[in-house]
Amino acid sequence: MRDCIFCKIVKKEIPADIVYEDDEIAVFKDINPAAPVHLLLIPRKHIETFFDLDREDASIMGRLQLAAVRAAREAGVFESGFRLVSNCGRGAGQLVMHIHYHLLAGRPFEWPPG
């Protein structure tokens, strides 16, 4: 997608503090962190929301989950835990229309969120 900020980060058109990337996934620090550790995990493939997933995307979504565990270990929060959040649609707070997870850690969290 031409105007997607996350697609531009993946293409290196916009700088980001990338902590992990491979052929299918990118993980980078959020520029407006809501916790001491706040990472964004995205597929390189542009998928707007969960409603736009196809069967062929099941593998990449599983890899995003595994990337979250890897990122948590590398950020030093594996033992203390983390919250993995994804908003689906504008009404749920999705600001960038490219499917992504927020990995949040390093502070206490309330329940229910939001």
PDB file of N, CA and C in Angstrom:
ATOM      1  N   MET A   1       0.846  -1.178   0.000  1.00  0.00           N
ATOM      2  CA  MET A   1       0.000   0.000   0.000  1.00  0.00           C
ATOM      3  C   MET A   1       0.885   1.232   0.000  1.00  0.00           C
ATOM      4  N   ARG A   2       0.595   2.144  -0.829  1.00  0.00           N
ATOM      5  CA  ARG A   2       1.456   3.287  -1.093  1.00  0.00           C
ATOM      6  C   ARG A   2       1.618   4.235   0.090  1.00  0.00           C
ATOM      7  N   ASP A   3       0.551   4.544   0.817  1.00  0.00           N
ATOM      8  CA  ASP A   3       0.623   5.530   1.885  1.00  0.00           C
ATOM      9  C   ASP A   3       0.712   4.932   3.287  1.00  0.00           C
ATOM     10  N   CYS A   4       0.903   3.662   3.401  1.00  0.00           N
ATOM     11  CA  CYS A   4       0.960   2.993   4.697  1.00  0.00           C
ATOM     12  C   CYS A   4       2.313   3.251   5.361  1.00  0.00           C
ATOM     13  N   ILE A   5       2.292   3.847   6.543  1.00  0.00           N
ATOM     14  CA  ILE A   5       3.531   4.162   7.247  1.00  0.00           C
ATOM     15  C   ILE A   5       4.322   2.905   7.588  1.00  0.00           C
ATOM     16  N   PHE A   6       3.630   1.810   7.932  1.00  0.00           N
ATOM     17  CA  PHE A   6       4.343   0.577   8.256  1.00  0.00           C
ATOM     18  C   PHE A   6       4.989  -0.030   7.016  1.00  0.00           C
ATOM     19  N   CYS A   7       4.327   0.048   5.879  1.00  0.00           N
ATOM     20  CA  CYS A   7       4.927  -0.430   4.626  1.00  0.00           C
ATOM     21  C   CYS A   7       6.169   0.397   4.293  1.00  0.00           C
ATOM     22  N   LYS A   8       6.114   1.693   4.563  1.00  0.00           N
ATOM     23  CA  LYS A   8       7.272   2.557   4.309  1.00  0.00           C
ATOM     24  C   LYS A   8       8.424   2.217   5.247  1.00  0.00           C
ATOM     25  N   ILE A   9       8.123   1.841   6.491  1.00  0.00           N
ATOM     26  CA  ILE A   9       9.170   1.414   7.421  1.00  0.00           C
ATOM     27  C   ILE A   9       9.817   0.137   6.910  1.00  0.00           C
ATOM     28  N   VAL A  10       9.010  -0.823   6.475  1.00  0.00           N
ATOM     29  CA  VAL A  10       9.530  -2.095   5.951  1.00  0.00           C
ATOM     30  C   VAL A  10      10.430  -1.859   4.744  1.00  0.00           C
ATOM     31  N   LYS A  11      10.062  -0.893   3.902  1.00  0.00           N
ATOM     32  CA  LYS A  11      10.848  -0.589   2.700  1.00  0.00           C
ATOM     33  C   LYS A  11      12.024   0.336   2.987  1.00  0.00           C
ATOM     34  N   LYS A  12      12.197   0.722   4.264  1.00  0.00           N
ATOM     35  CA  LYS A  12      13.285   1.612   4.697  1.00  0.00           C
ATOM     36  C   LYS A  12      13.143   3.025   4.133  1.00  0.00           C
ATOM     37  N   GLU A  13      11.915   3.413   3.798  1.00  0.00           N
ATOM     38  CA  GLU A  13      11.649   4.773   3.333  1.00  0.00           C
ATOM     39  C   GLU A  13      11.471   5.722   4.513  1.00  0.00           C
ATOM     40  N   ILE A  14      11.132   5.181   5.665  1.00  0.00           N
ATOM     41  CA  ILE A  14      10.985   5.941   6.905  1.00  0.00           C
ATOM     42  C   ILE A  14      11.853   5.235   7.946  1.00  0.00           C
ATOM     43  N   PRO A  15      12.677   5.997   8.684  1.00  0.00           N
ATOM     44  CA  PRO A  15      13.516   5.346   9.683  1.00  0.00           C
ATOM     45  C   PRO A  15      12.700   4.822  10.863  1.00  0.00           C
ATOM     46  N   ALA A  16      13.177   3.737  11.437  1.00  0.00           N
ATOM     47  CA  ALA A  16      12.577   3.156  12.640  1.00  0.00           C
ATOM     48  C   ALA A  16      13.674   2.430  13.392  1.00  0.00           C
ATOM     49  N   ASP A  17      13.477   2.291  14.691  1.00  0.00           N
ATOM     50  CA  ASP A  17      14.414   1.546  15.526  1.00  0.00           C
ATOM     51  C   ASP A  17      13.996   0.077  15.478  1.00  0.00           C
ATOM     52  N   ILE A  18      14.458  -0.612  14.446  1.00  0.00           N
ATOM     53  CA  ILE A  18      14.083  -2.008  14.210  1.00  0.00           C
ATOM     54  C   ILE A  18      14.932  -2.907  15.112  1.00  0.00           C
ATOM     55  N   VAL A  19      14.240  -3.768  15.872  1.00  0.00           N
ATOM     56  CA  VAL A  19      14.947  -4.671  16.780  1.00  0.00           C
ATOM     57  C   VAL A  19      15.025  -6.087  16.229  1.00  0.00           C
ATOM     58  N   TYR A  20      14.199  -6.404  15.245  1.00  0.00           N
ATOM     59  CA  TYR A  20      14.233  -7.715  14.596  1.00  0.00           C
ATOM     60  C   TYR A  20      13.523  -7.610  13.261  1.00  0.00           C
ATOM     61  N   GLU A  21      14.057  -8.310  12.268  1.00  0.00           N
ATOM     62  CA  GLU A  21      13.354  -8.436  10.995  1.00  0.00           C
ATOM     63  C   GLU A  21      13.839  -9.672  10.276  1.00  0.00           C
ATOM     64  N   ASP A  22      12.925 -10.228   9.483  1.00  0.00           N
ATOM     65  CA  ASP A  22      13.256 -11.338   8.605  1.00  0.00           C
ATOM     66  C   ASP A  22      12.455 -11.156   7.322  1.00  0.00           C
ATOM     67  N   ASP A  23      12.316 -12.192   6.543  1.00  0.00           N
ATOM     68  CA  ASP A  23      11.632 -12.079   5.250  1.00  0.00           C
ATOM     69  C   ASP A  23      10.146 -11.773   5.373  1.00  0.00           C
ATOM     70  N   GLU A  24       9.540 -12.081   6.533  1.00  0.00           N
ATOM     71  CA  GLU A  24       8.096 -11.920   6.678  1.00  0.00           C
ATOM     72  C   GLU A  24       7.658 -10.946   7.768  1.00  0.00           C
ATOM     73  N   ILE A  25       8.540 -10.623   8.695  1.00  0.00           N
ATOM     74  CA  ILE A  25       8.156  -9.885   9.896  1.00  0.00           C
ATOM     75  C   ILE A  25       9.144  -8.768  10.182  1.00  0.00           C
ATOM     76  N   ALA A  26       8.636  -7.686  10.778  1.00  0.00           N
ATOM     77  CA  ALA A  26       9.487  -6.626  11.310  1.00  0.00           C
ATOM     78  C   ALA A  26       8.996  -6.277  12.711  1.00  0.00           C
ATOM     79  N   VAL A  27       9.940  -6.028  13.606  1.00  0.00           N
ATOM     80  CA  VAL A  27       9.643  -5.625  14.978  1.00  0.00           C
ATOM     81  C   VAL A  27      10.441  -4.361  15.245  1.00  0.00           C
ATOM     82  N   PHE A  28       9.748  -3.316  15.695  1.00  0.00           N
ATOM     83  CA  PHE A  28      10.429  -2.052  15.945  1.00  0.00           C
ATOM     84  C   PHE A  28       9.813  -1.334  17.130  1.00  0.00           C
ATOM     85  N   LYS A  29      10.571  -0.385  17.694  1.00  0.00           N
ATOM     86  CA  LYS A  29      10.123   0.370  18.851  1.00  0.00           C
ATOM     87  C   LYS A  29       9.063   1.385  18.439  1.00  0.00           C
ATOM     88  N   ASP A  30       8.026   1.500  19.275  1.00  0.00           N
ATOM     89  CA  ASP A  30       6.975   2.489  19.040  1.00  0.00           C
ATOM     90  C   ASP A  30       7.544   3.875  19.319  1.00  0.00           C
ATOM     91  N   ILE A  31       7.245   4.850  18.477  1.00  0.00           N
ATOM     92  CA  ILE A  31       7.781   6.205  18.665  1.00  0.00           C
ATOM     93  C   ILE A  31       7.039   6.975  19.759  1.00  0.00           C
ATOM     94  N   ASN A  32       5.898   6.459  20.188  1.00  0.00           N
ATOM     95  CA  ASN A  32       5.133   7.078  21.264  1.00  0.00           C
ATOM     96  C   ASN A  32       4.797   5.991  22.293  1.00  0.00           C
ATOM     97  N   PRO A  33       5.803   5.524  23.050  1.00  0.00           N
ATOM     98  CA  PRO A  33       5.603   4.356  23.902  1.00  0.00           C
ATOM     99  C   PRO A  33       4.594   4.571  25.026  1.00  0.00           C
ATOM    100  N   ALA A  34       3.784   3.535  25.256  1.00  0.00           N
ATOM    101  CA  ALA A  34       2.795   3.536  26.339  1.00  0.00           C
ATOM    102  C   ALA A  34       3.288   2.721  27.530  1.00  0.00           C
ATOM    103  N   ALA A  35       4.514   2.216  27.452  1.00  0.00           N
ATOM    104  CA  ALA A  35       5.124   1.437  28.517  1.00  0.00           C
ATOM    105  C   ALA A  35       6.640   1.507  28.318  1.00  0.00           C
ATOM    106  N   PRO A  36       7.411   1.175  29.359  1.00  0.00           N
ATOM    107  CA  PRO A  36       8.874   1.193  29.188  1.00  0.00           C
ATOM    108  C   PRO A  36       9.353   0.339  28.014  1.00  0.00           C
ATOM    109  N   VAL A  37       8.706  -0.782  27.777  1.00  0.00           N
ATOM    110  CA  VAL A  37       8.967  -1.583  26.578  1.00  0.00           C
ATOM    111  C   VAL A  37       7.690  -1.526  25.740  1.00  0.00           C
ATOM    112  N   HIS A  38       7.778  -0.983  24.546  1.00  0.00           N
ATOM    113  CA  HIS A  38       6.633  -0.899  23.636  1.00  0.00           C
ATOM    114  C   HIS A  38       7.146  -1.140  22.222  1.00  0.00           C
ATOM    115  N   LEU A  39       6.921  -2.358  21.759  1.00  0.00           N
ATOM    116  CA  LEU A  39       7.352  -2.750  20.424  1.00  0.00           C
ATOM    117  C   LEU A  39       6.146  -2.983  19.531  1.00  0.00           C
ATOM    118  N   LEU A  40       6.312  -2.754  18.252  1.00  0.00           N
ATOM    119  CA  LEU A  40       5.297  -3.053  17.254  1.00  0.00           C
ATOM    120  C   LEU A  40       5.781  -4.226  16.421  1.00  0.00           C
ATOM    121  N   LEU A  41       4.907  -5.196  16.227  1.00  0.00           N
ATOM    122  CA  LEU A  41       5.229  -6.389  15.434  1.00  0.00           C
ATOM    123  C   LEU A  41       4.304  -6.392  14.231  1.00  0.00           C
ATOM    124  N   ILE A  42       4.879  -6.422  13.032  1.00  0.00           N
ATOM    125  CA  ILE A  42       4.063  -6.351  11.822  1.00  0.00           C
ATOM    126  C   ILE A  42       4.493  -7.404  10.806  1.00  0.00           C
ATOM    127  N   PRO A  43       3.542  -7.861  10.002  1.00  0.00           N
ATOM    128  CA  PRO A  43       3.945  -8.653   8.836  1.00  0.00           C
ATOM    129  C   PRO A  43       4.441  -7.689   7.755  1.00  0.00           C
ATOM    130  N   ARG A  44       5.404  -8.098   6.985  1.00  0.00           N
ATOM    131  CA  ARG A  44       5.855  -7.257   5.865  1.00  0.00           C
ATOM    132  C   ARG A  44       4.747  -7.123   4.820  1.00  0.00           C
ATOM    133  N   LYS A  45       3.961  -8.174   4.687  1.00  0.00           N
ATOM    134  CA  LYS A  45       2.829  -8.139   3.759  1.00  0.00           C
ATOM    135  C   LYS A  45       1.785  -7.167   4.300  1.00  0.00           C
ATOM    136  N   HIS A  46       1.263  -6.316   3.435  1.00  0.00           N
ATOM    137  CA  HIS A  46       0.230  -5.372   3.858  1.00  0.00           C
ATOM    138  C   HIS A  46      -1.117  -6.092   3.994  1.00  0.00           C
ATOM    139  N   ILE A  47      -1.583  -6.180   5.227  1.00  0.00           N
ATOM    140  CA  ILE A  47      -2.908  -6.709   5.542  1.00  0.00           C
ATOM    141  C   ILE A  47      -3.540  -5.663   6.450  1.00  0.00           C
ATOM    142  N   GLU A  48      -4.665  -5.097   6.059  1.00  0.00           N
ATOM    143  CA  GLU A  48      -5.218  -3.983   6.828  1.00  0.00           C
ATOM    144  C   GLU A  48      -5.734  -4.375   8.204  1.00  0.00           C
ATOM    145  N   THR A  49      -6.595  -5.382   8.291  1.00  0.00           N
ATOM    146  CA  THR A  49      -7.182  -5.776   9.573  1.00  0.00           C
ATOM    147  C   THR A  49      -7.314  -7.294   9.626  1.00  0.00           C
ATOM    148  N   PHE A  50      -7.741  -7.796  10.778  1.00  0.00           N
ATOM    149  CA  PHE A  50      -7.996  -9.235  10.897  1.00  0.00           C
ATOM    150  C   PHE A  50      -9.077  -9.680   9.913  1.00  0.00           C
ATOM    151  N   PHE A  51      -9.997  -8.793   9.590  1.00  0.00           N
ATOM    152  CA  PHE A  51     -11.061  -9.122   8.643  1.00  0.00           C
ATOM    153  C   PHE A  51     -10.532  -9.354   7.229  1.00  0.00           C
ATOM    154  N   ASP A  52      -9.308  -8.920   6.967  1.00  0.00           N
ATOM    155  CA  ASP A  52      -8.706  -9.065   5.642  1.00  0.00           C
ATOM    156  C   ASP A  52      -7.764 -10.261   5.532  1.00  0.00           C
ATOM    157  N   LEU A  53      -7.668 -11.057   6.595  1.00  0.00           N
ATOM    158  CA  LEU A  53      -6.815 -12.242   6.571  1.00  0.00           C
ATOM    159  C   LEU A  53      -7.397 -13.322   5.665  1.00  0.00           C
ATOM    160  N   ASP A  54      -6.512 -14.011   4.968  1.00  0.00           N
ATOM    161  CA  ASP A  54      -6.865 -15.183   4.167  1.00  0.00           C
ATOM    162  C   ASP A  54      -6.248 -16.413   4.823  1.00  0.00           C
ATOM    163  N   ARG A  55      -6.688 -17.590   4.389  1.00  0.00           N
ATOM    164  CA  ARG A  55      -6.102 -18.834   4.911  1.00  0.00           C
ATOM    165  C   ARG A  55      -4.584 -18.842   4.766  1.00  0.00           C
ATOM    166  N   GLU A  56      -4.098 -18.298   3.672  1.00  0.00           N
ATOM    167  CA  GLU A  56      -2.655 -18.280   3.427  1.00  0.00           C
ATOM    168  C   GLU A  56      -1.898 -17.421   4.441  1.00  0.00           C
ATOM    169  N   ASP A  57      -2.597 -16.567   5.173  1.00  0.00           N
ATOM    170  CA  ASP A  57      -1.963 -15.689   6.157  1.00  0.00           C
ATOM    171  C   ASP A  57      -1.815 -16.335   7.533  1.00  0.00           C
ATOM    172  N   ALA A  58      -2.364 -17.534   7.719  1.00  0.00           N
ATOM    173  CA  ALA A  58      -2.307 -18.199   9.026  1.00  0.00           C
ATOM    174  C   ALA A  58      -0.859 -18.385   9.491  1.00  0.00           C
ATOM    175  N   SER A  59       0.008 -18.748   8.592  1.00  0.00           N
ATOM    176  CA  SER A  59       1.403 -18.975   8.948  1.00  0.00           C
ATOM    177  C   SER A  59       2.076 -17.699   9.446  1.00  0.00           C
ATOM    178  N   ILE A  60       1.870 -16.612   8.747  1.00  0.00           N
ATOM    179  CA  ILE A  60       2.506 -15.347   9.154  1.00  0.00           C
ATOM    180  C   ILE A  60       1.983 -14.873  10.506  1.00  0.00           C
ATOM    181  N   MET A  61       0.703 -15.115  10.769  1.00  0.00           N
ATOM    182  CA  MET A  61       0.152 -14.696  12.066  1.00  0.00           C
ATOM    183  C   MET A  61       0.756 -15.537  13.198  1.00  0.00           C
ATOM    184  N   GLY A  62       0.978 -16.802  12.938  1.00  0.00           N
ATOM    185  CA  GLY A  62       1.668 -17.643  13.919  1.00  0.00           C
ATOM    186  C   GLY A  62       3.101 -17.193  14.133  1.00  0.00           C
ATOM    187  N   ARG A  63       3.752 -16.800  13.063  1.00  0.00           N
ATOM    188  CA  ARG A  63       5.133 -16.313  13.171  1.00  0.00           C
ATOM    189  C   ARG A  63       5.199 -15.011  13.949  1.00  0.00           C
ATOM    190  N   LEU A  64       4.147 -14.172  13.841  1.00  0.00           N
ATOM    191  CA  LEU A  64       4.110 -12.948  14.647  1.00  0.00           C
ATOM    192  C   LEU A  64       4.067 -13.285  16.131  1.00  0.00           C
ATOM    193  N   GLN A  65       3.296 -14.308  16.496  1.00  0.00           N
ATOM    194  CA  GLN A  65       3.223 -14.736  17.894  1.00  0.00           C
ATOM    195  C   GLN A  65       4.607 -15.197  18.374  1.00  0.00           C
ATOM    196  N   LEU A  66       5.274 -15.992  17.552  1.00  0.00           N
ATOM    197  CA  LEU A  66       6.612 -16.460  17.919  1.00  0.00           C
ATOM    198  C   LEU A  66       7.604 -15.298  17.997  1.00  0.00           C
ATOM    199  N   ALA A  67       7.452 -14.314  17.133  1.00  0.00           N
ATOM    200  CA  ALA A  67       8.319 -13.132  17.170  1.00  0.00           C
ATOM    201  C   ALA A  67       8.102 -12.349  18.463  1.00  0.00           C
ATOM    202  N   ALA A  68       6.868 -12.365  18.981  1.00  0.00           N
ATOM    203  CA  ALA A  68       6.587 -11.679  20.247  1.00  0.00           C
ATOM    204  C   ALA A  68       7.382 -12.317  21.382  1.00  0.00           C
ATOM    205  N   VAL A  69       7.422 -13.636  21.407  1.00  0.00           N
ATOM    206  CA  VAL A  69       8.181 -14.335  22.448  1.00  0.00           C
ATOM    207  C   VAL A  69       9.671 -14.015  22.318  1.00  0.00           C
ATOM    208  N   ARG A  70      10.171 -14.037  21.103  1.00  0.00           N
ATOM    209  CA  ARG A  70      11.580 -13.717  20.859  1.00  0.00           C
ATOM    210  C   ARG A  70      11.894 -12.288  21.309  1.00  0.00           C
ATOM    211  N   ALA A  71      11.035 -11.347  20.928  1.00  0.00           N
ATOM    212  CA  ALA A  71      11.244  -9.941  21.286  1.00  0.00           C
ATOM    213  C   ALA A  71      11.193  -9.747  22.800  1.00  0.00           C
ATOM    214  N   ALA A  72      10.285 -10.450  23.477  1.00  0.00           N
ATOM    215  CA  ALA A  72      10.180 -10.345  24.933  1.00  0.00           C
ATOM    216  C   ALA A  72      11.457 -10.854  25.601  1.00  0.00           C
ATOM    217  N   ARG A  73      11.962 -11.960  25.110  1.00  0.00           N
ATOM    218  CA  ARG A  73      13.231 -12.483  25.657  1.00  0.00           C
ATOM    219  C   ARG A  73      14.353 -11.470  25.468  1.00  0.00           C
ATOM    220  N   GLU A  74      14.467 -10.941  24.253  1.00  0.00           N
ATOM    221  CA  GLU A  74      15.552 -10.010  23.948  1.00  0.00           C
ATOM    222  C   GLU A  74      15.410  -8.687  24.703  1.00  0.00           C
ATOM    223  N   ALA A  75      14.181  -8.288  25.024  1.00  0.00           N
ATOM    224  CA  ALA A  75      13.947  -7.050  25.774  1.00  0.00           C
ATOM    225  C   ALA A  75      14.095  -7.258  27.281  1.00  0.00           C
ATOM    226  N   GLY A  76      14.315  -8.512  27.693  1.00  0.00           N
ATOM    227  CA  GLY A  76      14.515  -8.797  29.104  1.00  0.00           C
ATOM    228  C   GLY A  76      13.245  -8.847  29.931  1.00  0.00           C
ATOM    229  N   VAL A  77      12.106  -9.066  29.280  1.00  0.00           N
ATOM    230  CA  VAL A  77      10.832  -9.085  30.018  1.00  0.00           C
ATOM    231  C   VAL A  77      10.150 -10.445  29.958  1.00  0.00           C
ATOM    232  N   PHE A  78      10.884 -11.447  29.557  1.00  0.00           N
ATOM    233  CA  PHE A  78      10.292 -12.782  29.442  1.00  0.00           C
ATOM    234  C   PHE A  78       9.798 -13.280  30.796  1.00  0.00           C
ATOM    235  N   GLU A  79      10.567 -13.098  31.840  1.00  0.00           N
ATOM    236  CA  GLU A  79      10.188 -13.577  33.172  1.00  0.00           C
ATOM    237  C   GLU A  79       9.072 -12.741  33.784  1.00  0.00           C
ATOM    238  N   SER A  80       9.126 -11.440  33.621  1.00  0.00           N
ATOM    239  CA  SER A  80       8.126 -10.556  34.242  1.00  0.00           C
ATOM    240  C   SER A  80       6.810 -10.527  33.477  1.00  0.00           C
ATOM    241  N   GLY A  81       6.837 -10.905  32.222  1.00  0.00           N
ATOM    242  CA  GLY A  81       5.625 -10.960  31.412  1.00  0.00           C
ATOM    243  C   GLY A  81       5.429  -9.741  30.540  1.00  0.00           C
ATOM    244  N   PHE A  82       4.472  -9.875  29.635  1.00  0.00           N
ATOM    245  CA  PHE A  82       4.179  -8.790  28.704  1.00  0.00           C
ATOM    246  C   PHE A  82       2.723  -8.875  28.285  1.00  0.00           C
ATOM    247  N   ARG A  83       2.240  -7.798  27.715  1.00  0.00           N
ATOM    248  CA  ARG A  83       0.890  -7.763  27.151  1.00  0.00           C
ATOM    249  C   ARG A  83       1.034  -7.620  25.646  1.00  0.00           C
ATOM    250  N   LEU A  84       0.269  -8.427  24.913  1.00  0.00           N
ATOM    251  CA  LEU A  84       0.254  -8.370  23.462  1.00  0.00           C
ATOM    252  C   LEU A  84      -1.139  -7.915  23.046  1.00  0.00           C
ATOM    253  N   VAL A  85      -1.205  -6.773  22.356  1.00  0.00           N
ATOM    254  CA  VAL A  85      -2.479  -6.135  22.031  1.00  0.00           C
ATOM    255  C   VAL A  85      -2.559  -5.898  20.534  1.00  0.00           C
ATOM    256  N   SER A  86      -3.742  -6.108  19.978  1.00  0.00           N
ATOM    257  CA  SER A  86      -3.997  -5.731  18.597  1.00  0.00           C
ATOM    258  C   SER A  86      -5.401  -5.148  18.506  1.00  0.00           C
ATOM    259  N   ASN A  87      -5.512  -3.993  17.911  1.00  0.00           N
ATOM    260  CA  ASN A  87      -6.802  -3.343  17.701  1.00  0.00           C
ATOM    261  C   ASN A  87      -7.248  -3.628  16.275  1.00  0.00           C
ATOM    262  N   CYS A  88      -8.518  -3.929  16.101  1.00  0.00           N
ATOM    263  CA  CYS A  88      -9.036  -4.255  14.773  1.00  0.00           C
ATOM    264  C   CYS A  88     -10.120  -3.254  14.397  1.00  0.00           C
ATOM    265  N   GLY A  89      -9.768  -2.323  13.524  1.00  0.00           N
ATOM    266  CA  GLY A  89     -10.706  -1.301  13.062  1.00  0.00           C
ATOM    267  C   GLY A  89     -10.588  -0.008  13.849  1.00  0.00           C
ATOM    268  N   ARG A  90     -10.996   1.051  13.237  1.00  0.00           N
ATOM    269  CA  ARG A  90     -10.881   2.383  13.854  1.00  0.00           C
ATOM    270  C   ARG A  90     -11.648   2.489  15.171  1.00  0.00           C
ATOM    271  N   GLY A  91     -12.832   1.857  15.245  1.00  0.00           N
ATOM    272  CA  GLY A  91     -13.629   1.900  16.460  1.00  0.00           C
ATOM    273  C   GLY A  91     -12.953   1.253  17.653  1.00  0.00           C
ATOM    274  N   ALA A  92     -12.005   0.355  17.387  1.00  0.00           N
ATOM    275  CA  ALA A  92     -11.256  -0.314  18.450  1.00  0.00           C
ATOM    276  C   ALA A  92      -9.924   0.382  18.734  1.00  0.00           C
ATOM    277  N   GLY A  93      -9.650   1.457  18.005  1.00  0.00           N
ATOM    278  CA  GLY A  93      -8.427   2.219  18.233  1.00  0.00           C
ATOM    279  C   GLY A  93      -7.300   1.938  17.264  1.00  0.00           C
ATOM    280  N   GLN A  94      -7.562   1.208  16.184  1.00  0.00           N
ATOM    281  CA  GLN A  94      -6.513   0.959  15.194  1.00  0.00           C
ATOM    282  C   GLN A  94      -6.264   2.242  14.412  1.00  0.00           C
ATOM    283  N   LEU A  95      -5.075   2.810  14.570  1.00  0.00           N
ATOM    284  CA  LEU A  95      -4.736   4.066  13.906  1.00  0.00           C
ATOM    285  C   LEU A  95      -4.017   3.851  12.581  1.00  0.00           C
ATOM    286  N   VAL A  96      -3.232   2.781  12.489  1.00  0.00           N
ATOM    287  CA  VAL A  96      -2.534   2.449  11.244  1.00  0.00           C
ATOM    288  C   VAL A  96      -3.211   1.215  10.671  1.00  0.00           C
ATOM    289  N   MET A  97      -3.712   1.355   9.470  1.00  0.00           N
ATOM    290  CA  MET A  97      -4.462   0.263   8.846  1.00  0.00           C
ATOM    291  C   MET A  97      -3.507  -0.735   8.183  1.00  0.00           C
ATOM    292  N   HIS A  98      -2.731  -1.357   9.020  1.00  0.00           N
ATOM    293  CA  HIS A  98      -1.817  -2.444   8.664  1.00  0.00           C
ATOM    294  C   HIS A  98      -1.782  -3.300   9.921  1.00  0.00           C
ATOM    295  N   ILE A  99      -2.218  -4.534   9.822  1.00  0.00           N
ATOM    296  CA  ILE A  99      -2.335  -5.398  10.995  1.00  0.00           C
ATOM    297  C   ILE A  99      -1.026  -5.377  11.791  1.00  0.00           C
ATOM    298  N   HIS A 100      -1.144  -5.241  13.106  1.00  0.00           N
ATOM    299  CA  HIS A 100       0.047  -5.194  13.948  1.00  0.00           C
ATOM    300  C   HIS A 100      -0.309  -5.519  15.390  1.00  0.00           C
ATOM    301  N   TYR A 101       0.711  -5.919  16.128  1.00  0.00           N
ATOM    302  CA  TYR A 101       0.599  -6.149  17.569  1.00  0.00           C
ATOM    303  C   TYR A 101       1.456  -5.126  18.301  1.00  0.00           C
ATOM    304  N   HIS A 102       0.976  -4.736  19.466  1.00  0.00           N
ATOM    305  CA  HIS A 102       1.764  -3.941  20.404  1.00  0.00           C
ATOM    306  C   HIS A 102       2.234  -4.891  21.488  1.00  0.00           C
ATOM    307  N   LEU A 103       3.533  -4.974  21.707  1.00  0.00           N
ATOM    308  CA  LEU A 103       4.071  -5.719  22.830  1.00  0.00           C
ATOM    309  C   LEU A 103       4.419  -4.691  23.893  1.00  0.00           C
ATOM    310  N   LEU A 104       3.735  -4.776  25.025  1.00  0.00           N
ATOM    311  CA  LEU A 104       3.906  -3.817  26.113  1.00  0.00           C
ATOM    312  C   LEU A 104       4.426  -4.537  27.349  1.00  0.00           C
ATOM    313  N   ALA A 105       5.392  -3.931  28.029  1.00  0.00           N
ATOM    314  CA  ALA A 105       5.951  -4.543  29.229  1.00  0.00           C
ATOM    315  C   ALA A 105       6.702  -3.490  30.034  1.00  0.00           C
ATOM    316  N   GLY A 106       7.074  -3.893  31.240  1.00  0.00           N
ATOM    317  CA  GLY A 106       7.910  -3.027  32.058  1.00  0.00           C
ATOM    318  C   GLY A 106       7.154  -2.168  33.057  1.00  0.00           C
ATOM    319  N   ARG A 107       5.855  -2.375  33.174  1.00  0.00           N
ATOM    320  CA  ARG A 107       5.052  -1.664  34.175  1.00  0.00           C
ATOM    321  C   ARG A 107       3.821  -2.512  34.471  1.00  0.00           C
ATOM    322  N   PRO A 108       3.148  -2.251  35.604  1.00  0.00           N
ATOM    323  CA  PRO A 108       1.910  -2.998  35.907  1.00  0.00           C
ATOM    324  C   PRO A 108       0.788  -2.603  34.939  1.00  0.00           C
ATOM    325  N   PHE A 109      -0.074  -3.548  34.627  1.00  0.00           N
ATOM    326  CA  PHE A 109      -1.203  -3.298  33.745  1.00  0.00           C
ATOM    327  C   PHE A 109      -2.489  -3.595  34.488  1.00  0.00           C
ATOM    328  N   GLU A 110      -3.515  -2.860  34.173  1.00  0.00           N
ATOM    329  CA  GLU A 110      -4.848  -3.040  34.770  1.00  0.00           C
ATOM    330  C   GLU A 110      -5.679  -3.963  33.903  1.00  0.00           C
ATOM    331  N   TRP A 111      -6.726  -4.510  34.496  1.00  0.00           N
ATOM    332  CA  TRP A 111      -7.707  -5.282  33.742  1.00  0.00           C
ATOM    333  C   TRP A 111      -9.094  -4.906  34.209  1.00  0.00           C
ATOM    334  N   PRO A 112     -10.021  -4.667  33.348  1.00  0.00           N
ATOM    335  CA  PRO A 112      -9.877  -4.740  31.886  1.00  0.00           C
ATOM    336  C   PRO A 112      -9.160  -3.513  31.338  1.00  0.00           C
ATOM    337  N   PRO A 113      -8.495  -3.676  30.190  1.00  0.00           N
ATOM    338  CA  PRO A 113      -7.826  -2.545  29.570  1.00  0.00           C
ATOM    339  C   PRO A 113      -8.842  -1.603  28.924  1.00  0.00           C
ATOM    340  N   GLY A 114      -8.407  -0.372  28.706  1.00  0.00           N
ATOM    341  CA  GLY A 114      -9.213   0.609  27.991  1.00  0.00           C
ATOM    342  C   GLY A 114     -10.515   0.841  28.603  1.00  0.00           C
TER     343      GLY A 114
END
